[in-house]
């Protein structure tokens, strides 16, 4: 039995946001969508005190490499559709066997 995890580092830029309150509102929406609709666990992991930037970490887990890749593709599609000019995503997919050594 295999288990696989997709880890995504998501850098977002919000050029129209003028306050931390505005950024939090935008992030709340993004994080809720990624979690509720796409099944990702999401946390803000960088740039918490900067108005127009954020770095999110997201994780997806599946028993199938194909399925976890498909789910990660859906996350990326959503983000690139919503923020076509202002998002950058790095993805790593590993098996639990690779992580546990």
Protein backbone atom coordinates (compact mmCIF):
# COMPACT_ATOMS: atom_id res chain seq x y z
CA UNK A 1 0.00 0.00 0.00
CA UNK A 2 1.38 3.41 -0.98
CA UNK A 3 0.73 6.87 0.30
CA UNK A 4 1.74 10.06 -1.48
CA UNK A 5 1.85 13.71 -0.55
CA UNK A 6 1.95 16.79 -2.74
CA UNK A 7 3.52 19.83 -1.09
CA UNK A 8 2.98 23.23 -2.67
CA UNK A 9 4.64 26.53 -1.85
CA UNK A 10 2.42 29.31 -3.15
CA UNK A 11 3.68 32.89 -3.44
CA UNK A 12 0.91 35.42 -3.93
CA UNK A 13 1.04 39.13 -4.70
CA UNK A 14 -1.99 41.33 -4.10
CA UNK A 15 -1.22 44.62 -5.90
CA UNK A 16 -4.64 46.16 -5.14
CA UNK A 17 -4.65 45.43 -1.39
CA UNK A 18 -3.92 48.44 0.81
CA UNK A 19 -3.96 47.00 4.32
CA UNK A 20 -3.36 43.86 6.33
CA UNK A 21 -7.13 43.65 6.85
CA UNK A 22 -7.67 43.56 3.08
CA UNK A 23 -4.98 40.93 2.68
CA UNK A 24 -6.51 38.77 5.44
CA UNK A 25 -9.89 38.95 3.71
CA UNK A 26 -8.37 37.84 0.40
CA UNK A 27 -6.39 35.04 2.06
CA UNK A 28 -9.40 33.79 4.00
CA UNK A 29 -11.26 33.34 0.72
CA UNK A 30 -8.34 31.56 -0.99
CA UNK A 31 -7.63 29.26 1.95
CA UNK A 32 -11.31 28.34 2.34
CA UNK A 33 -11.64 27.50 -1.35
CA UNK A 34 -8.47 25.40 -1.39
CA UNK A 35 -9.55 23.50 1.71
CA UNK A 36 -13.31 23.08 1.23
CA UNK A 37 -13.49 22.58 -2.53
CA UNK A 38 -10.10 21.10 -3.37
CA UNK A 39 -9.21 19.20 -0.18
CA UNK A 40 -5.91 20.91 0.59
CA UNK A 41 -4.55 21.68 4.03
CA UNK A 42 -3.34 25.28 3.85
CA UNK A 43 -1.42 27.66 6.12
CA UNK A 44 0.19 31.05 5.67
CA UNK A 45 3.90 30.41 6.15
CA UNK A 46 5.52 33.66 5.09
CA UNK A 47 5.12 37.41 4.67
CA UNK A 48 2.47 37.62 7.39
CA UNK A 49 3.25 41.27 8.11
CA UNK A 50 3.42 42.53 4.51
CA UNK A 51 0.21 43.91 2.98
CA UNK A 52 0.61 42.81 -0.60
CA UNK A 53 2.47 39.50 -0.31
CA UNK A 54 1.85 36.11 1.17
CA UNK A 55 3.40 32.69 1.06
CA UNK A 56 1.13 29.72 1.64
CA UNK A 57 2.03 26.10 2.24
CA UNK A 58 -0.47 23.51 1.02
CA UNK A 59 -0.54 19.72 1.29
CA UNK A 60 -2.60 17.02 -0.39
CA UNK A 61 -2.48 13.32 0.53
CA UNK A 62 -3.64 10.28 -1.45
CA UNK A 63 -3.04 6.59 -1.80
CA UNK A 64 -2.36 7.10 -5.51
CA UNK A 65 0.42 9.09 -7.17
CA UNK A 66 -1.89 9.78 -10.13
CA UNK A 67 -4.68 11.08 -7.89
CA UNK A 68 -2.44 13.34 -5.80
CA UNK A 69 -0.96 14.80 -9.00
CA UNK A 70 -4.49 15.38 -10.36
CA UNK A 71 -5.51 17.13 -7.12
CA UNK A 72 -2.38 19.30 -7.19
CA UNK A 73 -3.14 20.20 -10.81
CA UNK A 74 -6.62 21.36 -9.72
CA UNK A 75 -5.12 23.57 -7.00
CA UNK A 76 -2.68 25.10 -9.47
CA UNK A 77 -5.39 25.67 -12.09
CA UNK A 78 -7.59 27.46 -9.54
CA UNK A 79 -4.75 29.72 -8.40
CA UNK A 80 -3.50 30.53 -11.92
CA UNK A 81 -7.08 31.29 -13.01
CA UNK A 82 -7.69 33.57 -10.02
CA UNK A 83 -4.26 35.26 -9.99
CA UNK A 84 -2.88 34.81 -13.52
CA UNK A 85 -0.14 37.44 -13.22
CA UNK A 86 0.61 37.40 -9.50
CA UNK A 87 1.05 33.79 -8.35
CA UNK A 88 4.06 31.52 -8.31
CA UNK A 89 3.82 27.85 -7.29
CA UNK A 90 6.44 25.22 -6.51
CA UNK A 91 5.33 21.60 -6.22
CA UNK A 92 6.96 18.52 -4.74
CA UNK A 93 5.34 15.09 -4.76
CA UNK A 94 6.83 12.30 -2.67
CA UNK A 95 5.82 8.93 -1.31
CA UNK A 96 5.69 8.36 2.42
CA UNK A 97 8.43 5.76 1.90
CA UNK A 98 10.74 8.47 0.52
CA UNK A 99 10.05 10.75 3.48
CA UNK A 100 10.43 8.10 6.17
CA UNK A 101 13.66 6.79 4.67
